[in-house]
Amino acid sequence: MNPSSPGPQPTPTAETAHYWQAALEGRLEIQYCRACARHKFYPRRFCIKCLSDQIDWVEASGRGRIYTYTVCHVAGHPAFESRVPYAIGIIELDENVRMLAGIVDSDVTRLAVGAPVQVCFERISDDVALPMFRLTDGDSSHD
């Protein structure tokens, strides 16, 4: 989708505004709880593990693996019709959080659970860039 394509767009909230601004600037940022030393995704005001409000934003590595995925052969929205077939997956980041995202610039026949991926960003409007992922040949388990 290019910036002129009308399509669904996220609506930032107080909890997600930082995430969306970082994405627009080409960074994948997630939350980190200082109290229990765990990364968090999706953005929240407090840690769901220990209930602490000691939450910081940190830049994620952007590396991960496909946890699960689906290939869409029917567009879920008219703006996606030119992309069919396209893939959407749950990505398990190296930081041990999972996020839903599109899998782009990749042959859908090469997708597999466990395949390594790297974040990329797709600008869909002047104000919004979406974190997406593409297949890589590398090992995402290194630090």
C-alpha atoms as a PDB file:
ATOM      1  CA  MET A   1       0.000   0.000   0.000  1.00  0.00           C
ATOM      2  CA  ASN A   2       1.348   3.459  -0.745  1.00  0.00           C
ATOM      3  CA  PRO A   3       0.593   6.677   1.150  1.00  0.00           C
ATOM      4  CA  SER A   4      -2.222   7.567  -1.273  1.00  0.00           C
ATOM      5  CA  SER A   5      -4.081   4.281  -0.730  1.00  0.00           C
ATOM      6  CA  PRO A   6      -6.992   4.691   1.635  1.00  0.00           C
ATOM      7  CA  GLY A   7      -6.940   1.918   4.174  1.00  0.00           C
ATOM      8  CA  PRO A   8      -7.337   1.191   7.841  1.00  0.00           C
ATOM      9  CA  GLN A   9      -4.995   3.111  10.098  1.00  0.00           C
ATOM     10  CA  PRO A  10      -4.216   2.820  13.798  1.00  0.00           C
ATOM     11  CA  THR A  11      -5.606   5.344  16.231  1.00  0.00           C
ATOM     12  CA  PRO A  12      -2.904   6.160  18.788  1.00  0.00           C
ATOM     13  CA  THR A  13      -3.935   6.249  22.434  1.00  0.00           C
ATOM     14  CA  ALA A  14      -2.086   7.547  25.493  1.00  0.00           C
ATOM     15  CA  GLU A  15      -0.533   4.078  25.867  1.00  0.00           C
ATOM     16  CA  THR A  16       0.404   3.574  22.197  1.00  0.00           C
ATOM     17  CA  ALA A  17       1.401   7.073  21.000  1.00  0.00           C
ATOM     18  CA  HIS A  18       5.100   6.494  21.781  1.00  0.00           C
ATOM     19  CA  TYR A  19       5.062   3.167  19.894  1.00  0.00           C
ATOM     20  CA  TRP A  20       3.538   4.729  16.772  1.00  0.00           C
ATOM     21  CA  GLN A  21       5.875   7.736  16.848  1.00  0.00           C
ATOM     22  CA  ALA A  22       8.917   5.439  17.105  1.00  0.00           C
ATOM     23  CA  ALA A  23       7.624   3.376  14.167  1.00  0.00           C
ATOM     24  CA  LEU A  24       7.229   6.539  12.096  1.00  0.00           C
ATOM     25  CA  GLU A  25      10.892   7.266  12.877  1.00  0.00           C
ATOM     26  CA  GLY A  26      11.926   3.723  11.862  1.00  0.00           C
ATOM     27  CA  ARG A  27      12.373   2.201  15.331  1.00  0.00           C
ATOM     28  CA  LEU A  28      10.599  -0.767  16.878  1.00  0.00           C
ATOM     29  CA  GLU A  29      10.130   0.119  20.535  1.00  0.00           C
ATOM     30  CA  ILE A  30       8.531  -2.055  23.172  1.00  0.00           C
ATOM     31  CA  GLN A  31       8.062  -1.675  26.887  1.00  0.00           C
ATOM     32  CA  TYR A  32      10.337  -3.026  29.599  1.00  0.00           C
ATOM     33  CA  CYS A  33       9.367  -3.461  33.261  1.00  0.00           C
ATOM     34  CA  ARG A  34      12.195  -2.483  35.600  1.00  0.00           C
ATOM     35  CA  ALA A  35      10.503  -4.209  38.528  1.00  0.00           C
ATOM     36  CA  CYS A  36      10.395  -7.736  37.062  1.00  0.00           C
ATOM     37  CA  ALA A  37      12.953  -7.306  34.253  1.00  0.00           C
ATOM     38  CA  ARG A  38      10.600  -8.391  31.456  1.00  0.00           C
ATOM     39  CA  HIS A  39       9.803  -6.928  28.073  1.00  0.00           C
ATOM     40  CA  LYS A  40       6.152  -6.151  27.341  1.00  0.00           C
ATOM     41  CA  PHE A  41       4.027  -5.908  24.245  1.00  0.00           C
ATOM     42  CA  TYR A  42       1.399  -4.509  23.573  1.00  0.00           C
ATOM     43  CA  PRO A  43       1.759  -1.130  25.348  1.00  0.00           C
ATOM     44  CA  ARG A  44       0.113  -0.798  28.746  1.00  0.00           C
ATOM     45  CA  ARG A  45       0.235   1.590  31.698  1.00  0.00           C
ATOM     46  CA  PHE A  46       1.443  -1.136  34.057  1.00  0.00           C
ATOM     47  CA  CYS A  47       3.099  -4.547  33.959  1.00  0.00           C
ATOM     48  CA  ILE A  48       0.595  -7.377  33.697  1.00  0.00           C
ATOM     49  CA  LYS A  49       3.087  -9.769  35.334  1.00  0.00           C
ATOM     50  CA  CYS A  50       3.939  -7.851  38.525  1.00  0.00           C
ATOM     51  CA  LEU A  51       1.516  -4.864  38.327  1.00  0.00           C
ATOM     52  CA  SER A  52       4.373  -2.353  38.584  1.00  0.00           C
ATOM     53  CA  ASP A  53       4.181   1.019  36.879  1.00  0.00           C
ATOM     54  CA  GLN A  54       7.991   1.054  36.420  1.00  0.00           C
ATOM     55  CA  ILE A  55       7.671   0.813  32.647  1.00  0.00           C
ATOM     56  CA  ASP A  56      10.265   2.147  30.201  1.00  0.00           C
ATOM     57  CA  TRP A  57      10.347   2.219  26.418  1.00  0.00           C
ATOM     58  CA  VAL A  58      13.335   0.410  24.872  1.00  0.00           C
ATOM     59  CA  GLU A  59      14.368  -0.217  21.293  1.00  0.00           C
ATOM     60  CA  ALA A  60      13.843  -3.855  20.327  1.00  0.00           C
ATOM     61  CA  SER A  61      16.362  -5.740  18.202  1.00  0.00           C
ATOM     62  CA  GLY A  62      13.776  -6.084  15.442  1.00  0.00           C
ATOM     63  CA  ARG A  63      14.733  -9.745  15.044  1.00  0.00           C
ATOM     64  CA  GLY A  64      12.481 -12.690  15.705  1.00  0.00           C
ATOM     65  CA  ARG A  65      10.867 -15.810  14.336  1.00  0.00           C
ATOM     66  CA  ILE A  66       7.486 -16.612  12.877  1.00  0.00           C
ATOM     67  CA  TYR A  67       5.387 -18.119  15.662  1.00  0.00           C
ATOM     68  CA  THR A  68       2.388 -18.712  13.384  1.00  0.00           C
ATOM     69  CA  TYR A  69       1.039 -17.176  10.187  1.00  0.00           C
ATOM     70  CA  THR A  70      -1.713 -17.209   7.621  1.00  0.00           C
ATOM     71  CA  VAL A  71      -1.688 -16.416   3.924  1.00  0.00           C
ATOM     72  CA  CYS A  72      -4.675 -14.347   2.841  1.00  0.00           C
ATOM     73  CA  HIS A  73      -5.999 -15.145  -0.632  1.00  0.00           C
ATOM     74  CA  VAL A  74      -9.005 -12.836  -0.261  1.00  0.00           C
ATOM     75  CA  ALA A  75      -8.354  -9.215   0.689  1.00  0.00           C
ATOM     76  CA  GLY A  76      -9.583  -8.299   4.150  1.00  0.00           C
ATOM     77  CA  HIS A  77     -10.009  -4.695   3.000  1.00  0.00           C
ATOM     78  CA  PRO A  78     -10.226  -3.131  -0.489  1.00  0.00           C
ATOM     79  CA  ALA A  79      -6.862  -1.403   0.095  1.00  0.00           C
ATOM     80  CA  PHE A  80      -5.197  -4.844   0.257  1.00  0.00           C
ATOM     81  CA  GLU A  81      -6.583  -6.251  -3.010  1.00  0.00           C
ATOM     82  CA  SER A  82      -3.389  -5.561  -4.969  1.00  0.00           C
ATOM     83  CA  ARG A  83      -1.379  -7.537  -2.390  1.00  0.00           C
ATOM     84  CA  VAL A  84      -3.213 -10.861  -2.596  1.00  0.00           C
ATOM     85  CA  PRO A  85      -1.809 -13.274  -1.614  1.00  0.00           C
ATOM     86  CA  TYR A  86      -0.332 -11.615   1.474  1.00  0.00           C
ATOM     87  CA  ALA A  87       0.788 -12.955   4.826  1.00  0.00           C
ATOM     88  CA  ILE A  88       0.041 -11.939   8.381  1.00  0.00           C
ATOM     89  CA  GLY A  89       1.782 -13.559  11.290  1.00  0.00           C
ATOM     90  CA  ILE A  90       2.474 -13.610  14.968  1.00  0.00           C
ATOM     91  CA  ILE A  91       6.148 -12.770  15.348  1.00  0.00           C
ATOM     92  CA  GLU A  92       8.040 -13.836  18.460  1.00  0.00           C
ATOM     93  CA  LEU A  93      10.716 -11.213  18.986  1.00  0.00           C
ATOM     94  CA  ASP A  94      14.119 -12.047  20.438  1.00  0.00           C
ATOM     95  CA  GLU A  95      12.936 -10.090  23.498  1.00  0.00           C
ATOM     96  CA  ASN A  96      10.391 -12.877  24.149  1.00  0.00           C
ATOM     97  CA  VAL A  97       7.238 -10.964  23.261  1.00  0.00           C
ATOM     98  CA  ARG A  98       4.863 -11.685  20.401  1.00  0.00           C
ATOM     99  CA  MET A  99       3.274  -9.221  18.040  1.00  0.00           C
ATOM    100  CA  LEU A 100       0.891  -9.410  15.108  1.00  0.00           C
ATOM    101  CA  ALA A 101       2.283  -7.963  11.880  1.00  0.00           C
ATOM    102  CA  GLY A 102       2.331  -8.265   8.143  1.00  0.00           C
ATOM    103  CA  ILE A 103       5.065 -10.339   6.521  1.00  0.00           C
ATOM    104  CA  VAL A 104       6.208  -8.481   3.406  1.00  0.00           C
ATOM    105  CA  ASP A 105       8.813  -8.656   0.644  1.00  0.00           C
ATOM    106  CA  SER A 106       8.874 -12.430   1.064  1.00  0.00           C
ATOM    107  CA  ASP A 107       7.725 -15.328  -1.092  1.00  0.00           C
ATOM    108  CA  VAL A 108       4.687 -16.666   0.805  1.00  0.00           C
ATOM    109  CA  THR A 109       5.621 -20.221  -0.246  1.00  0.00           C
ATOM    110  CA  ARG A 110       8.858 -19.864   1.794  1.00  0.00           C
ATOM    111  CA  LEU A 111       7.091 -18.934   5.034  1.00  0.00           C
ATOM    112  CA  ALA A 112       7.388 -21.441   7.859  1.00  0.00           C
ATOM    113  CA  VAL A 113       6.888 -21.539  11.594  1.00  0.00           C
ATOM    114  CA  GLY A 114      10.267 -20.774  13.155  1.00  0.00           C
ATOM    115  CA  ALA A 115      11.629 -18.913  10.124  1.00  0.00           C
ATOM    116  CA  PRO A 116      13.801 -15.920  11.091  1.00  0.00           C
ATOM    117  CA  VAL A 117      12.471 -12.450  10.315  1.00  0.00           C
ATOM    118  CA  GLN A 118      13.631  -8.847  10.630  1.00  0.00           C
ATOM    119  CA  VAL A 119      11.493  -5.753  11.141  1.00  0.00           C
ATOM    120  CA  CYS A 120      10.989  -3.232   8.358  1.00  0.00           C
ATOM    121  CA  PHE A 121       8.636  -0.273   8.250  1.00  0.00           C
ATOM    122  CA  GLU A 122       5.968   0.552   5.720  1.00  0.00           C
ATOM    123  CA  ARG A 123       4.770   4.129   5.586  1.00  0.00           C
ATOM    124  CA  ILE A 124       1.035   4.088   4.910  1.00  0.00           C
ATOM    125  CA  SER A 125       0.398   7.816   5.339  1.00  0.00           C
ATOM    126  CA  ASP A 126       2.278  10.976   6.218  1.00  0.00           C
ATOM    127  CA  ASP A 127       1.634  10.234   9.911  1.00  0.00           C
ATOM    128  CA  VAL A 128       1.769   6.428  10.150  1.00  0.00           C
ATOM    129  CA  ALA A 129       4.366   3.742   9.521  1.00  0.00           C
ATOM    130  CA  LEU A 130       3.605   0.123  10.311  1.00  0.00           C
ATOM    131  CA  PRO A 131       6.182  -2.315  11.658  1.00  0.00           C
ATOM    132  CA  MET A 132       6.227  -5.258   9.256  1.00  0.00           C
ATOM    133  CA  PHE A 133       8.580  -8.213   8.970  1.00  0.00           C
ATOM    134  CA  ARG A 134      10.491  -9.891   6.154  1.00  0.00           C
ATOM    135  CA  LEU A 135      12.220 -13.252   5.999  1.00  0.00           C
ATOM    136  CA  THR A 136      15.969 -13.305   6.623  1.00  0.00           C
ATOM    137  CA  ASP A 137      18.551 -15.986   6.160  1.00  0.00           C
ATOM    138  CA  GLY A 138      20.201 -15.224   9.495  1.00  0.00           C
ATOM    139  CA  ASP A 139      19.878 -16.726  12.925  1.00  0.00           C
ATOM    140  CA  SER A 140      17.731 -14.501  15.171  1.00  0.00           C
ATOM    141  CA  SER A 141      18.856 -16.185  18.382  1.00  0.00           C
ATOM    142  CA  HIS A 142      22.067 -14.198  18.837  1.00  0.00           C
ATOM    143  CA  ASP A 143      22.288 -11.081  20.989  1.00  0.00           C
END
